[in-house]
């Protein structure tokens, strides 16, 4: 069964003989006549497209006469070599008489393309499938490379999408309107939006769900769209296999990077030539200045999926950014060759907050951000701080599960640091103001906390008057700037006293 051949479909056909529209209306045809010269054309054009293998006349009057004779015979389209060089007056004549004028480099190839589009859908489909097969003759480095091969051979756009948007594309950009027209509930789908059309197929991949492979372009006719549906179905298994191969490689790479980061952090800033070499090979800067961050799970979270979800957002931050999986979450950092100013630091932290909010849409996570620190030792330090802040953030819905070390008081950090080497120095720093006068304030505070903040019990234990104890506790609050009515602050102080006092 034949169909009307539109000019847009003919121009969209990859192998159309180098066709160009140079004048007259953009219309369609039900049939085609192919001859060597204009005088050889059948007398009854009946709305057909005439394709001539001979070149256009050189003089203007001959060009005008040819156009009139072709149109008088009933043809509504004329394609021939050299039409692009026809005089401007003759082009205006083509507009007036309603003759679509086309320039073509290879008329025989154009005739074959017309035949496939009008009469031979099977041949058109086989031609597209042949191009798909040719794409697999080239070794692809990754999924993007494979999509690039497909796009180049088909002369169309190729994309991998999910319901949220375009994941990868090559050859052209899949616009939002066409994406919205694609149905995700069917195995094969043909969609149109304006002049654009797309054939898509569900990607049967064990590693990812909800994906579709899309072949798309502008001006495609119905037969072209149907042939692309078959081509998409043929290409899909190779695309699914490439996705799986890339994911296995990505998982292995993340495992290696996670192990390397663990080795680096365990060194606590010490020099190790092998670790330094591996860091350099991966492009991880240890010199300069760094801001660490950590995302931890508040529920069931796949760290690899979390890492993959934030990668694009991380690369958009105005800094050298790195991240990898670590335990039940991910750890990462921003690096700067020179010490960034306060404004840039604030912009970077704001970008990390946006990254956290983006991750929250799909994952139950809490995020902590460390302070700006320099050098390898500083990188290890800010990563430690980020982990501490993340543990605090996991219990703080009021902050949106996001905590920055620089915004916390020291007593809050103590609660996160009790399990590592940072705790004792931090406790000593917190309680240092209480060591004046022989340390009686520190002793009184420790006893006060041991007796559950009871003034009378503390006075009895120390052999002091109740008023003396009350005065000392008020002095403690003034020196430390801590609200003793806050249970969390009291707990931090109690832990600090136990750490610095003997016995």
Protein backbone atom coordinates (compact mmCIF):
# COMPACT_ATOMS: atom_id res chain seq x y z
CA UNK A 1 0.00 0.00 0.00
CA UNK A 2 1.46 3.36 -1.02
CA UNK A 3 1.33 6.62 0.91
CA UNK A 4 1.73 10.29 0.09
CA UNK A 5 5.37 11.38 -0.08
CA UNK A 6 5.87 14.68 1.78
CA UNK A 7 8.78 16.98 1.07
CA UNK A 8 9.67 17.01 4.77
CA UNK A 9 9.90 13.20 4.83
CA UNK A 10 12.05 13.21 1.71
CA UNK A 11 14.40 15.80 3.18
CA UNK A 12 14.57 13.79 6.42
CA UNK A 13 15.57 10.62 4.54
CA UNK A 14 19.28 10.07 5.05
CA UNK A 15 20.11 8.83 1.53
CA UNK A 16 18.13 11.25 -0.66
CA UNK A 17 20.83 12.14 -3.19
CA UNK A 18 21.79 15.42 -1.53
CA UNK A 19 18.33 16.93 -1.93
CA UNK A 20 17.69 20.66 -1.32
CA UNK A 21 14.50 22.71 -1.62
CA UNK A 22 15.30 25.84 -3.68
CA UNK A 23 11.90 27.27 -4.69
CA UNK A 24 8.15 26.83 -4.93
CA UNK A 25 5.72 25.40 -2.36
CA UNK A 26 6.59 22.57 0.03
CA UNK A 27 4.06 19.90 -0.92
CA UNK A 28 3.71 16.13 -1.29
CA UNK A 29 3.26 13.57 -4.06
CA UNK A 30 1.60 10.21 -4.63
CA UNK A 31 3.93 9.14 -7.43
CA UNK A 32 7.26 9.91 -9.12
CA UNK A 33 8.42 10.00 -12.76
CA UNK A 34 12.14 9.60 -13.50
CA UNK A 35 13.60 10.52 -16.92
CA UNK A 36 16.84 11.76 -18.46
CA UNK A 37 15.38 14.98 -19.92
CA UNK A 38 12.26 17.09 -19.58
CA UNK A 39 10.93 16.11 -23.03
CA UNK A 40 10.99 12.43 -21.99
CA UNK A 41 8.47 12.95 -19.17
CA UNK A 42 4.98 11.42 -19.63
CA UNK A 43 2.44 13.95 -20.84
CA UNK A 44 0.08 13.48 -17.88
CA UNK A 45 1.95 14.50 -14.71
CA UNK A 46 -1.14 14.16 -12.50
CA UNK A 47 0.43 15.88 -9.45
CA UNK A 48 3.61 13.82 -9.57
CA UNK A 49 7.21 14.66 -8.72
CA UNK A 50 9.42 14.75 -11.83
CA UNK A 51 13.05 13.68 -11.37
CA UNK A 52 15.46 14.48 -14.22
CA UNK A 53 18.98 13.09 -14.45
CA UNK A 54 20.03 15.85 -16.89
CA UNK A 55 21.16 19.26 -15.66
CA UNK A 56 19.17 22.51 -15.65
CA UNK A 57 19.32 24.82 -18.69
CA UNK A 58 21.88 27.61 -18.57
CA UNK A 59 19.87 30.61 -19.82
CA UNK A 60 17.02 32.31 -17.98
CA UNK A 61 14.50 32.03 -20.83
CA UNK A 62 15.20 28.28 -21.18
CA UNK A 63 14.76 27.84 -17.43
CA UNK A 64 11.41 29.70 -17.48
CA UNK A 65 10.20 27.68 -20.44
CA UNK A 66 11.15 24.35 -18.83
CA UNK A 67 9.36 25.19 -15.59
CA UNK A 68 6.20 26.22 -17.45
CA UNK A 69 6.17 23.10 -19.65
CA UNK A 70 6.67 20.77 -16.66
CA UNK A 71 3.88 22.46 -14.73
CA UNK A 72 1.56 22.52 -17.75
CA UNK A 73 1.90 18.73 -17.97
CA UNK A 74 0.48 18.44 -14.45
CA UNK A 75 3.66 17.93 -12.40
CA UNK A 76 3.79 19.75 -9.08
CA UNK A 77 7.43 19.02 -8.27
CA UNK A 78 10.68 19.05 -10.25
CA UNK A 79 14.06 17.76 -9.03
CA UNK A 80 17.23 18.01 -11.14
CA UNK A 81 20.96 18.70 -10.78
CA UNK A 82 21.89 22.38 -10.91
CA UNK A 83 18.49 23.69 -9.79
CA UNK A 84 20.20 25.68 -7.04
CA UNK A 85 21.82 27.83 -9.76
CA UNK A 86 18.54 28.75 -11.50
CA UNK A 87 17.93 32.49 -11.94
CA UNK A 88 16.05 34.34 -9.17
CA UNK A 89 13.36 35.33 -11.66
CA UNK A 90 12.76 31.67 -12.51
CA UNK A 91 12.51 30.84 -8.83
CA UNK A 92 9.79 33.50 -8.45
CA UNK A 93 8.04 31.91 -11.42
CA UNK A 94 8.11 28.52 -9.66
CA UNK A 95 6.39 30.15 -6.68
CA UNK A 96 3.69 31.71 -8.91
CA UNK A 97 2.84 28.56 -10.83
CA UNK A 98 2.96 26.27 -7.76
CA UNK A 99 5.92 24.10 -8.80
CA UNK A 100 8.15 22.76 -6.01
CA UNK A 101 11.72 23.09 -7.31
CA UNK A 102 14.42 20.81 -5.88
CA UNK A 103 18.17 20.63 -6.43
CA UNK A 104 19.68 17.12 -6.26
CA UNK A 105 23.26 15.87 -6.65
CA UNK A 106 22.41 12.21 -7.35
CA UNK A 107 18.99 11.85 -9.02
CA UNK A 108 19.06 8.03 -9.11
CA UNK A 109 19.59 7.86 -5.35
CA UNK A 110 16.70 10.30 -4.89
CA UNK A 111 14.49 8.08 -7.05
CA UNK A 112 15.37 5.07 -4.92
CA UNK A 113 14.54 6.99 -1.74
CA UNK A 114 11.16 7.99 -3.22
CA UNK A 115 10.42 4.39 -4.15
CA UNK A 116 11.18 3.19 -0.63
CA UNK A 117 9.05 5.88 0.99
CA UNK A 118 6.07 5.45 -1.35
CA UNK A 119 5.98 1.78 -2.26
CA UNK A 120 8.54 -0.29 -0.38
CA UNK A 121 8.24 -0.02 3.38
CA UNK A 122 10.03 -3.32 3.82
CA UNK A 123 13.00 -2.04 1.83
CA UNK A 124 13.04 1.14 3.93
CA UNK A 125 12.99 -0.89 7.14
CA UNK A 126 15.76 -3.19 5.89
CA UNK A 127 17.83 -0.15 4.99
CA UNK A 128 17.50 1.25 8.52
CA UNK A 129 18.28 -2.13 10.07
CA UNK A 130 21.37 -2.37 7.85
CA UNK A 131 22.55 0.98 9.24
CA UNK A 132 21.99 -0.26 12.77
CA UNK A 133 24.08 -3.35 12.03
CA UNK A 134 26.85 -1.18 10.57
CA UNK A 135 26.94 0.79 13.83
CA UNK A 136 27.96 -2.35 15.69
CA UNK A 137 30.97 -2.88 13.42
CA UNK A 138 32.79 -0.15 15.37
CA UNK A 139 34.01 -0.86 18.89
CA UNK A 140 32.29 1.47 21.35
CA UNK A 141 34.19 2.78 24.35
CA UNK A 142 31.02 3.36 26.36
CA UNK A 143 27.28 4.00 26.03
CA UNK A 144 27.77 7.55 24.75
CA UNK A 145 30.12 6.26 22.05
CA UNK A 146 27.60 3.60 20.98
CA UNK A 147 24.78 6.14 20.74
CA UNK A 148 27.10 8.34 18.70
CA UNK A 149 27.73 5.50 16.20
CA UNK A 150 23.97 4.90 15.87
CA UNK A 151 23.24 8.59 15.35
CA UNK A 152 25.99 8.99 12.75
CA UNK A 153 24.88 5.98 10.69
CA UNK A 154 21.17 6.81 10.83
CA UNK A 155 21.63 10.53 10.32
CA UNK A 156 19.13 11.09 13.16
CA UNK A 157 19.03 11.82 16.87
CA UNK A 158 19.41 8.95 19.32
CA UNK A 159 18.65 9.21 23.03
CA UNK A 160 18.33 7.13 26.17
CA UNK A 161 15.58 8.53 28.37
CA UNK A 162 13.51 7.85 31.45
CA UNK A 163 10.28 9.48 32.59
CA UNK A 164 12.17 12.36 34.21
CA UNK A 165 14.13 13.41 31.12
CA UNK A 166 17.03 12.70 28.77
CA UNK A 167 19.89 10.65 30.25
CA UNK A 168 22.17 10.50 27.19
CA UNK A 169 21.75 11.69 23.62
CA UNK A 170 23.71 11.96 20.39
CA UNK A 171 23.19 13.50 16.98
CA UNK A 172 20.48 15.96 18.07
CA UNK A 173 18.65 17.27 21.13
CA UNK A 174 15.38 15.61 22.17
CA UNK A 175 13.15 18.53 23.18
CA UNK A 176 10.79 18.46 26.14
CA UNK A 177 7.59 18.45 24.04
CA UNK A 178 8.62 15.33 22.14
CA UNK A 179 9.75 13.64 25.36
CA UNK A 180 6.35 14.37 26.89
CA UNK A 181 4.59 12.77 23.91
CA UNK A 182 6.40 9.44 24.32
CA UNK A 183 4.40 6.72 26.10
CA UNK A 184 6.30 4.71 28.69
CA UNK A 185 3.64 2.03 29.16
CA UNK A 186 4.11 0.39 25.74
CA UNK A 187 6.88 -1.77 24.33
CA UNK A 188 7.19 0.18 21.06
CA UNK A 189 5.83 3.68 20.58
CA UNK A 190 5.66 6.30 17.83
CA UNK A 191 5.22 9.89 18.96
CA UNK A 192 4.91 13.31 17.32
CA UNK A 193 5.24 16.87 18.59
CA UNK A 194 5.10 19.62 16.00
CA UNK A 195 7.47 18.78 13.15
CA UNK A 196 9.43 16.29 15.27
CA UNK A 197 8.74 12.57 15.54
CA UNK A 198 10.25 9.73 17.58
CA UNK A 199 10.21 5.95 17.57
CA UNK A 200 11.04 4.42 20.95
CA UNK A 201 11.32 1.01 22.56
CA UNK A 202 11.57 -0.05 26.20
CA UNK A 203 15.11 -0.99 27.20
CA UNK A 204 15.14 -4.44 28.74
CA UNK A 205 18.04 -3.95 31.16
CA UNK A 206 18.48 -5.92 34.42
CA UNK A 207 20.41 -3.07 35.99
CA UNK A 208 18.02 -0.19 35.25
CA UNK A 209 14.26 0.08 34.85
CA UNK A 210 12.06 2.68 33.19
CA UNK A 211 14.46 3.36 30.29
CA UNK A 212 13.60 3.84 26.61
CA UNK A 213 15.79 4.01 23.50
CA UNK A 214 14.58 6.78 21.19
CA UNK A 215 15.35 7.42 17.50
CA UNK A 216 14.06 10.84 16.45
CA UNK A 217 14.16 13.55 13.81
CA UNK A 218 12.18 16.27 12.05
CA UNK A 219 9.81 15.85 9.11
CA UNK A 220 9.59 12.04 9.32
CA UNK A 221 6.75 10.41 7.41
CA UNK A 222 4.66 7.56 8.73
CA UNK A 223 6.61 4.89 6.84
CA UNK A 224 9.89 6.31 8.15
CA UNK A 225 8.57 6.30 11.70
CA UNK A 226 7.44 2.69 11.39
CA UNK A 227 10.82 1.64 9.99
CA UNK A 228 12.57 3.39 12.87
CA UNK A 229 10.42 1.48 15.35
CA UNK A 230 11.82 -1.75 13.97
CA UNK A 231 15.34 -0.28 13.95
CA UNK A 232 14.99 0.78 17.59
CA UNK A 233 13.90 -2.74 18.55
CA UNK A 234 16.93 -4.20 16.76
CA UNK A 235 19.32 -1.75 18.43
CA UNK A 236 17.89 -2.11 21.95
CA UNK A 237 19.66 -5.35 23.05
CA UNK A 238 23.06 -3.89 22.22
CA UNK A 239 22.23 -0.70 24.11
CA UNK A 240 21.02 -2.73 27.12
CA UNK A 241 24.22 -4.79 27.08
CA UNK A 242 26.33 -1.64 26.88
CA UNK A 243 24.50 -0.17 29.88
CA UNK A 244 25.25 -3.32 31.88
CA UNK A 245 28.92 -3.34 30.84
CA UNK A 246 29.30 0.33 31.76
CA UNK A 247 27.59 -0.19 35.12
CA UNK A 248 29.86 -3.11 36.00
CA UNK A 249 32.88 -0.98 35.10
CA UNK A 250 31.48 1.93 37.12
CA UNK A 251 30.86 -0.26 40.17
CA UNK A 252 34.42 -1.62 39.98
CA UNK A 253 35.83 1.88 39.62
CA UNK A 254 33.80 3.16 42.58
CA UNK A 255 34.97 0.23 44.70
CA UNK A 256 38.58 1.09 43.86
CA UNK A 257 38.07 4.80 44.59
CA UNK A 258 36.28 4.00 47.87
CA UNK A 259 39.20 1.83 48.99
CA UNK A 260 41.70 4.53 48.02
CA UNK A 261 39.85 7.20 50.01
CA UNK A 262 39.72 4.89 53.03
CA UNK A 263 43.49 4.31 52.78
CA UNK A 264 44.11 8.05 52.56
CA UNK A 265 41.91 8.95 55.53
CA UNK A 266 43.51 6.21 57.65
CA UNK A 267 46.90 7.87 57.14
CA UNK A 268 45.67 10.99 59.03
CA UNK A 269 47.80 13.25 56.86
CA UNK A 270 50.95 11.06 56.98
CA UNK A 271 52.90 10.65 53.75
CA UNK A 272 52.58 7.39 51.81
CA UNK A 273 54.16 7.30 48.34
CA UNK A 274 51.85 4.57 47.01
CA UNK A 275 48.68 6.33 48.17
CA UNK A 276 49.95 9.65 46.77
CA UNK A 277 50.64 8.00 43.40
CA UNK A 278 47.17 6.42 43.26
CA UNK A 279 45.55 9.71 44.27
CA UNK A 280 47.43 11.53 41.49
CA UNK A 281 46.49 8.89 38.89
CA UNK A 282 42.83 9.40 39.77
CA UNK A 283 43.19 13.17 39.54
CA UNK A 284 42.52 13.74 43.24
CA UNK A 285 44.19 16.91 44.47
CA UNK A 286 45.65 16.74 47.99
CA UNK A 287 47.43 20.08 47.85
CA UNK A 288 45.51 23.34 47.95
CA UNK A 289 42.42 23.85 50.11
CA UNK A 290 39.42 21.56 50.65
CA UNK A 291 35.86 21.43 51.96
CA UNK A 292 34.68 17.90 52.81
CA UNK A 293 31.10 16.66 52.72
CA UNK A 294 29.38 13.42 53.69
CA UNK A 295 25.93 12.02 52.86
CA UNK A 296 24.73 9.19 55.09
CA UNK A 297 21.62 7.04 54.87
CA UNK A 298 18.73 7.57 57.27
CA UNK A 299 17.09 4.41 55.91
CA UNK A 300 17.70 1.88 53.14
CA UNK A 301 19.92 3.56 50.54
CA UNK A 302 22.08 2.07 47.81
CA UNK A 303 25.30 4.16 48.00
CA UNK A 304 26.13 3.56 44.32
CA UNK A 305 22.70 4.80 43.18
CA UNK A 306 23.06 7.82 45.47
CA UNK A 307 26.49 8.60 44.01
CA UNK A 308 25.17 8.29 40.47
CA UNK A 309 22.25 10.61 41.25
CA UNK A 310 24.44 13.48 42.49
CA UNK A 311 27.24 13.22 39.91
CA UNK A 312 25.79 15.75 37.47
CA UNK A 313 25.00 18.26 40.22
CA UNK A 314 28.44 17.84 41.74
CA UNK A 315 30.17 18.55 38.43
CA UNK A 316 28.24 21.83 38.12
CA UNK A 317 29.75 23.27 41.33
CA UNK A 318 32.38 25.96 40.83
CA UNK A 319 35.23 23.90 42.29
CA UNK A 320 37.17 20.71 41.60
CA UNK A 321 34.76 18.12 42.99
CA UNK A 322 35.21 14.43 43.85
CA UNK A 323 33.03 11.83 45.56
CA UNK A 324 32.88 8.09 46.13
CA UNK A 325 30.93 5.60 48.20
CA UNK A 326 31.90 5.12 51.83
CA UNK A 327 30.01 2.76 54.12
CA UNK A 328 26.27 3.52 54.13
CA UNK A 329 26.68 6.72 52.15
CA UNK A 330 29.13 8.78 50.15
CA UNK A 331 32.08 11.00 51.00
CA UNK A 332 33.41 13.78 48.84
CA UNK A 333 35.20 17.10 48.81
CA UNK A 334 35.66 20.32 46.89
CA UNK A 335 39.25 21.40 46.16
CA UNK A 336 40.65 24.87 45.38
CA UNK A 337 44.21 25.55 44.11
CA UNK A 338 44.28 28.81 46.09
CA UNK A 339 42.54 29.67 49.36
CA UNK A 340 38.99 30.74 48.40
CA UNK A 341 37.53 33.93 49.83
CA UNK A 342 34.57 33.87 52.22
CA UNK A 343 32.07 34.57 49.43
CA UNK A 344 33.26 31.63 47.35
CA UNK A 345 33.21 29.35 50.39
CA UNK A 346 29.61 30.36 51.10
CA UNK A 347 28.63 29.77 47.46
CA UNK A 348 30.23 26.33 47.58
CA UNK A 349 28.41 25.37 50.78
CA UNK A 350 25.14 26.67 49.29
CA UNK A 351 25.76 24.48 46.23
CA UNK A 352 26.30 21.46 48.50
CA UNK A 353 23.03 22.28 50.25
CA UNK A 354 21.25 22.32 46.86
CA UNK A 355 22.89 18.98 46.06
CA UNK A 356 21.53 17.63 49.36
CA UNK A 357 18.02 18.92 48.63
CA UNK A 358 18.14 17.32 45.19
CA UNK A 359 19.20 13.97 46.70
CA UNK A 360 16.40 14.19 49.30
CA UNK A 361 13.80 13.91 46.54
CA UNK A 362 14.77 10.27 45.99
CA UNK A 363 16.84 9.22 49.02
CA UNK A 364 16.52 9.41 52.81
CA UNK A 365 19.90 10.99 53.58
CA UNK A 366 21.55 13.42 55.96
CA UNK A 367 24.45 15.61 54.87
CA UNK A 368 27.34 17.11 56.82
CA UNK A 369 29.86 19.67 55.57
CA UNK A 370 33.34 20.18 57.05
CA UNK A 371 35.34 23.38 57.37
CA UNK A 372 37.81 24.80 54.83
CA UNK A 373 41.25 23.27 55.48
CA UNK A 374 44.55 23.15 53.60
CA UNK A 375 46.89 20.42 52.42
CA UNK A 376 46.69 16.61 52.70
CA UNK A 377 46.25 16.72 56.47
CA UNK A 378 43.50 19.31 56.04
CA UNK A 379 41.73 17.13 53.50
CA UNK A 380 41.67 14.25 55.97
CA UNK A 381 40.52 16.64 58.70
CA UNK A 382 37.64 18.19 56.76
CA UNK A 383 36.43 14.74 55.71
CA UNK A 384 36.40 13.69 59.38
CA UNK A 385 34.46 16.84 60.27
CA UNK A 386 31.97 16.18 57.50
CA UNK A 387 31.36 12.68 58.87
CA UNK A 388 30.78 14.08 62.36
CA UNK A 389 28.42 16.73 61.04
CA UNK A 390 26.51 14.11 59.04
CA UNK A 391 25.93 12.03 62.18
CA UNK A 392 24.53 15.11 63.88
CA UNK A 393 22.42 15.96 60.81
CA UNK A 394 20.85 12.48 60.86
CA UNK A 395 19.09 13.39 64.12
CA UNK A 396 18.10 16.93 63.13
CA UNK A 397 15.03 17.17 60.97
CA UNK A 398 14.70 20.82 62.00
CA UNK A 399 17.79 21.67 59.92
CA UNK A 400 16.50 19.72 56.93
CA UNK A 401 18.96 16.89 57.69
CA UNK A 402 21.82 19.24 56.72
CA UNK A 403 24.52 20.41 59.15
CA UNK A 404 27.66 22.44 58.58
CA UNK A 405 30.49 22.15 61.10
CA UNK A 406 31.17 25.89 61.00
CA UNK A 407 27.61 26.58 62.20
CA UNK A 408 27.82 24.28 65.26
CA UNK A 409 28.97 25.00 68.80
CA UNK A 410 31.83 22.95 70.20
CA UNK A 411 29.59 21.21 72.70
CA UNK A 412 27.44 19.89 69.82
CA UNK A 413 30.49 18.52 68.05
CA UNK A 414 31.59 16.71 71.22
CA UNK A 415 28.56 14.47 70.96
CA UNK A 416 29.68 13.34 67.52
CA UNK A 417 33.37 13.09 68.40
CA UNK A 418 33.26 10.79 71.43
CA UNK A 419 34.32 7.82 69.32
CA UNK A 420 37.45 9.24 67.70
CA UNK A 421 40.78 10.87 68.47
CA UNK A 422 39.38 14.37 68.12
CA UNK A 423 37.30 14.08 71.30
CA UNK A 424 39.89 14.59 74.06
CA UNK A 425 41.52 17.69 72.50
CA UNK A 426 38.07 19.14 71.84
CA UNK A 427 36.98 18.44 75.42
CA UNK A 428 40.13 20.07 76.78
CA UNK A 429 39.53 23.11 74.57
CA UNK A 430 35.91 23.40 75.72
CA UNK A 431 36.74 23.19 79.45
CA UNK A 432 39.97 25.23 79.41
CA UNK A 433 38.31 28.41 80.84
CA UNK A 434 37.31 26.42 83.98
CA UNK A 435 40.90 25.57 84.99
CA UNK A 436 41.57 29.02 86.48
CA UNK A 437 41.72 29.33 90.27
CA UNK A 438 43.02 25.79 90.80
CA UNK A 439 40.25 24.17 88.76
CA UNK A 440 37.52 24.47 91.42
CA UNK A 441 34.98 25.44 88.75
CA UNK A 442 35.78 22.29 86.75
CA UNK A 443 35.53 20.09 89.85
CA UNK A 444 32.23 21.69 90.84
CA UNK A 445 30.80 21.27 87.33
CA UNK A 446 31.81 17.59 87.19
CA UNK A 447 30.17 16.86 90.56
CA UNK A 448 27.10 18.90 89.59
CA UNK A 449 26.63 16.80 86.46
CA UNK A 450 27.33 13.56 88.34
CA UNK A 451 24.48 14.46 90.71
CA UNK A 452 22.00 15.10 87.89
CA UNK A 453 22.27 18.89 88.16
CA UNK A 454 21.20 18.95 91.79
CA UNK A 455 22.56 21.94 93.76
CA UNK A 456 21.91 20.42 97.21
CA UNK A 457 23.39 17.02 96.31
CA UNK A 458 26.45 18.68 94.79
CA UNK A 459 26.96 20.89 97.87
CA UNK A 460 26.75 17.86 100.16
CA UNK A 461 29.21 15.86 98.07
CA UNK A 462 31.78 18.69 97.98
CA UNK A 463 31.18 19.99 101.52
CA UNK A 464 30.16 23.41 100.21
CA UNK A 465 27.29 25.77 100.89
CA UNK A 466 24.46 25.58 98.38
CA UNK A 467 24.92 29.27 97.48
CA UNK A 468 28.57 28.64 96.68
CA UNK A 469 27.65 25.84 94.29
CA UNK A 470 24.96 27.99 92.62
CA UNK A 471 27.42 30.89 92.15
CA UNK A 472 30.04 28.58 90.64
CA UNK A 473 27.57 27.00 88.19
CA UNK A 474 26.45 30.47 87.05
CA UNK A 475 30.12 31.36 86.52
CA UNK A 476 30.60 28.17 84.48
CA UNK A 477 27.73 29.16 82.20
CA UNK A 478 29.18 32.64 81.74
CA UNK A 479 32.66 31.37 80.91
CA UNK A 480 31.53 28.62 78.53
CA UNK A 481 28.55 30.44 77.01
CA UNK A 482 26.50 27.26 77.29
CA UNK A 483 22.83 26.92 78.17
CA UNK A 484 22.85 24.42 81.06
CA UNK A 485 19.12 23.86 80.68
CA UNK A 486 19.77 22.17 77.29
CA UNK A 487 20.00 18.35 77.86
CA UNK A 488 22.30 17.98 74.86
CA UNK A 489 24.70 20.62 76.21
CA UNK A 490 24.72 18.97 79.66
CA UNK A 491 25.48 15.60 78.09
CA UNK A 492 28.38 17.06 76.11
CA UNK A 493 29.81 18.73 79.21
CA UNK A 494 29.44 15.54 81.26
CA UNK A 495 31.31 13.53 78.62
CA UNK A 496 34.01 16.21 78.44
CA UNK A 497 34.49 16.24 82.23
CA UNK A 498 34.83 12.45 82.28
CA UNK A 499 37.47 12.66 79.56
CA UNK A 500 39.74 15.31 81.11
CA UNK A 501 39.44 14.65 84.86
CA UNK A 502 41.49 11.80 86.40
CA UNK A 503 39.69 8.78 87.80
